[in-house]
Amino acid sequence: GRCYVVFDDKAMEIINKYNQEAGKQGNVLASYMPQEQGRAIIELYKNANPSSLAHEMFHHWVFLHENAYRTGKMEGQVLQDFQKLAEFAGHELGTEWSREEHEKLASAWETYLSEGKAPSLELVSTFERFKNWMKRIYQTLTRHAIPINDDVRGVFDRMLAGDRELEMAEAFRDAEPLFAGR
């Protein structure tokens, strides 16, 4: 295991806020510490799985977007999408994110990735692999994916692909059943 000696209550609060826990045992798989001092740190521990890095990286994504929001550097579709995610998490923009709100979004991101529905043709094989990893992971964990709605799914799609790529991926998915079983 790891031993931390922390003399700063704020630093301890940050560590506790972003630790990813698995199941009822409370085994820490990974942790995220925001870039308070110029560098964000993601640590993966012994029992980390393929979802751990994706989960912790989404904490970082939220942190970066919250900073952009607070400094007025967010506008247009990015702002609208961030507002949708905040609403989904039950968060009021401009206030401190709770651990529950952060975890809901990071878990929603895992759910999105585990669905295997790539937002672009270039990501089809990557999403298939992640879907298979997630199936294996969720068979061994007591924690389950949280349901996400189409608004949240659309935000995640736009994070990874542009309008043209999204249209092409949709056309591909629509055409797939035509060739099933051949």
Protein backbone atom coordinates (compact mmCIF):
# COMPACT_ATOMS: atom_id res chain seq x y z
CA GLY A 1 0.00 0.00 0.00
CA ARG A 2 0.82 3.66 0.00
CA CYS A 3 1.28 5.90 2.97
CA TYR A 4 0.63 9.62 2.74
CA VAL A 5 1.81 12.12 5.32
CA VAL A 6 -0.19 15.26 4.73
CA PHE A 7 0.14 18.30 6.95
CA ASP A 8 -2.25 20.43 4.95
CA ASP A 9 -6.00 19.97 5.54
CA LYS A 10 -6.78 21.39 2.07
CA ALA A 11 -4.46 18.85 0.38
CA MET A 12 -6.05 16.00 2.36
CA GLU A 13 -9.51 17.23 1.36
CA ILE A 14 -8.48 17.18 -2.32
CA ILE A 15 -7.05 13.66 -2.07
CA ASN A 16 -10.19 12.36 -0.38
CA LYS A 17 -12.48 14.17 -2.81
CA TYR A 18 -11.07 12.57 -5.95
CA ASN A 19 -10.26 9.00 -4.90
CA GLN A 20 -12.13 6.47 -6.99
CA GLU A 21 -13.57 3.70 -4.86
CA ALA A 22 -14.67 0.29 -6.09
CA GLY A 23 -17.42 -1.71 -4.50
CA LYS A 24 -18.31 -1.90 -0.86
CA GLN A 25 -14.76 -2.76 0.19
CA GLY A 26 -13.62 0.79 -0.55
CA ASN A 27 -10.53 -0.41 -2.44
CA VAL A 28 -8.99 2.68 -4.00
CA LEU A 29 -8.27 2.01 -7.67
CA ALA A 30 -6.94 5.42 -8.64
CA SER A 31 -6.85 9.03 -7.56
CA TYR A 32 -6.84 12.45 -9.15
CA MET A 33 -5.24 15.52 -7.66
CA PRO A 34 -6.00 18.73 -9.57
CA GLN A 35 -3.29 21.05 -10.75
CA GLU A 36 -3.20 23.20 -7.63
CA GLN A 37 0.56 23.62 -8.08
CA GLY A 38 0.80 23.62 -11.88
CA ARG A 39 0.55 19.88 -12.50
CA ALA A 40 -2.40 17.51 -12.20
CA ILE A 41 -1.60 14.03 -10.92
CA ILE A 42 -3.47 10.81 -11.68
CA GLU A 43 -2.27 7.78 -9.78
CA LEU A 44 -3.28 4.25 -10.70
CA TYR A 45 -2.97 1.71 -7.91
CA LYS A 46 -2.42 -2.03 -7.88
CA ASN A 47 -6.07 -2.98 -8.49
CA ALA A 48 -6.69 -0.36 -11.20
CA ASN A 49 -8.53 -1.55 -14.30
CA PRO A 50 -9.00 -0.09 -17.79
CA SER A 51 -11.85 2.13 -16.58
CA SER A 52 -9.76 3.70 -13.80
CA LEU A 53 -7.73 5.97 -16.07
CA ALA A 54 -10.80 7.02 -18.07
CA HIS A 55 -12.66 7.75 -14.82
CA GLU A 56 -9.85 9.86 -13.35
CA MET A 57 -9.20 11.67 -16.63
CA PHE A 58 -12.83 12.75 -16.64
CA HIS A 59 -12.34 14.32 -13.21
CA HIS A 60 -9.55 16.33 -14.85
CA TRP A 61 -11.82 17.28 -17.76
CA VAL A 62 -14.40 18.63 -15.29
CA PHE A 63 -11.70 20.53 -13.39
CA LEU A 64 -10.39 22.18 -16.59
CA HIS A 65 -13.88 23.08 -17.80
CA GLU A 66 -14.90 24.48 -14.42
CA ASN A 67 -11.82 26.72 -14.52
CA ALA A 68 -12.71 27.88 -18.04
CA TYR A 69 -16.27 28.56 -16.88
CA ARG A 70 -15.17 30.54 -13.80
CA THR A 71 -12.77 32.68 -15.85
CA GLY A 72 -15.32 33.42 -18.60
CA LYS A 73 -13.38 31.49 -21.26
CA MET A 74 -16.26 29.19 -22.15
CA GLU A 75 -18.93 29.98 -24.70
CA GLY A 76 -21.21 28.57 -27.39
CA GLN A 77 -21.74 24.81 -27.68
CA VAL A 78 -19.00 24.03 -25.13
CA LEU A 79 -20.79 26.16 -22.53
CA GLN A 80 -24.16 24.62 -23.37
CA ASP A 81 -22.69 21.13 -23.09
CA PHE A 82 -21.02 21.91 -19.76
CA GLN A 83 -24.33 23.26 -18.45
CA LYS A 84 -26.08 20.02 -19.50
CA LEU A 85 -23.50 17.91 -17.68
CA ALA A 86 -23.72 20.08 -14.57
CA GLU A 87 -27.50 19.76 -14.62
CA PHE A 88 -27.24 15.98 -15.02
CA ALA A 89 -24.92 15.84 -12.01
CA GLY A 90 -27.21 18.07 -9.95
CA HIS A 91 -24.53 20.77 -9.83
CA GLU A 92 -25.08 24.52 -9.87
CA LEU A 93 -22.34 26.11 -12.00
CA GLY A 94 -20.21 28.62 -10.14
CA THR A 95 -20.38 26.67 -6.88
CA GLU A 96 -17.97 24.08 -5.47
CA TRP A 97 -18.39 20.61 -6.99
CA SER A 98 -19.26 17.93 -4.46
CA ARG A 99 -17.64 14.51 -4.54
CA GLU A 100 -21.03 12.97 -5.45
CA GLU A 101 -21.46 15.33 -8.42
CA HIS A 102 -17.93 14.63 -9.66
CA GLU A 103 -18.38 10.88 -9.26
CA LYS A 104 -21.73 10.94 -11.07
CA LEU A 105 -20.13 12.55 -14.13
CA ALA A 106 -17.05 10.30 -14.10
CA SER A 107 -19.31 7.25 -13.78
CA ALA A 108 -21.54 8.56 -16.57
CA TRP A 109 -18.43 8.83 -18.76
CA GLU A 110 -17.62 5.18 -17.98
CA THR A 111 -21.19 4.22 -18.89
CA TYR A 112 -20.89 6.11 -22.18
CA LEU A 113 -17.62 4.37 -23.06
CA SER A 114 -18.99 0.96 -22.06
CA GLU A 115 -21.95 1.26 -24.44
CA GLY A 116 -19.55 0.77 -27.34
CA LYS A 117 -21.36 3.29 -29.55
CA ALA A 118 -18.53 5.21 -31.23
CA PRO A 119 -19.25 8.81 -32.25
CA SER A 120 -17.00 8.48 -35.30
CA LEU A 121 -15.93 5.71 -37.65
CA GLU A 122 -12.31 6.16 -36.58
CA LEU A 123 -13.22 5.26 -32.98
CA VAL A 124 -15.33 2.13 -33.69
CA SER A 125 -12.62 -0.41 -32.81
CA THR A 126 -11.51 1.58 -29.75
CA PHE A 127 -15.06 1.72 -28.43
CA GLU A 128 -15.56 -2.00 -29.09
CA ARG A 129 -12.43 -2.84 -27.09
CA PHE A 130 -13.49 -0.57 -24.23
CA LYS A 131 -16.97 -2.09 -24.24
CA ASN A 132 -15.45 -5.57 -23.90
CA TRP A 133 -13.13 -4.43 -21.08
CA MET A 134 -16.05 -2.85 -19.26
CA LYS A 135 -18.16 -6.00 -19.57
CA ARG A 136 -15.38 -7.98 -17.87
CA ILE A 137 -14.88 -5.32 -15.19
CA TYR A 138 -18.55 -4.96 -14.28
CA GLN A 139 -18.88 -8.74 -13.96
CA THR A 140 -16.35 -8.62 -11.10
CA LEU A 141 -17.36 -5.37 -9.39
CA THR A 142 -20.37 -4.78 -7.16
CA ARG A 143 -20.67 -1.25 -8.61
CA HIS A 144 -22.80 -0.86 -11.73
CA ALA A 145 -22.93 1.67 -14.52
CA ILE A 146 -25.30 4.57 -13.99
CA PRO A 147 -27.91 5.29 -16.63
CA ILE A 148 -27.30 8.29 -18.88
CA ASN A 149 -29.76 10.20 -21.03
CA ASP A 150 -29.47 11.25 -24.68
CA ASP A 151 -28.46 14.81 -23.73
CA VAL A 152 -25.45 13.53 -21.80
CA ARG A 153 -24.64 11.00 -24.53
CA GLY A 154 -24.76 13.86 -27.08
CA VAL A 155 -22.35 15.97 -25.03
CA PHE A 156 -19.91 13.06 -24.82
CA ASP A 157 -20.27 12.46 -28.57
CA ARG A 158 -19.42 16.10 -29.30
CA MET A 159 -16.37 15.86 -27.03
CA LEU A 160 -14.90 13.22 -29.33
CA ALA A 161 -16.23 14.01 -32.82
CA GLY A 162 -17.41 16.86 -35.01
CA ASP A 163 -20.80 17.14 -36.71
CA ARG A 164 -19.65 15.42 -39.93
CA GLU A 165 -18.10 12.48 -38.05
CA LEU A 166 -21.25 12.12 -35.95
CA GLU A 167 -23.43 12.02 -39.07
CA MET A 168 -21.19 9.41 -40.72
CA ALA A 169 -21.17 7.22 -37.59
CA GLU A 170 -24.97 7.44 -37.36
CA ALA A 171 -25.33 6.43 -41.02
CA PHE A 172 -22.97 3.50 -40.39
CA ARG A 173 -24.97 2.33 -37.36
CA ASP A 174 -28.22 2.65 -39.34
CA ALA A 175 -26.77 0.54 -42.17
CA GLU A 176 -25.29 -2.20 -39.94
CA PRO A 177 -28.59 -4.13 -39.47
CA LEU A 178 -28.94 -4.37 -43.25
CA PHE A 179 -25.85 -6.57 -43.39
CA ALA A 180 -26.37 -8.61 -40.22
CA GLY A 181 -26.26 -12.34 -40.81
CA ARG A 182 -24.73 -12.15 -44.29
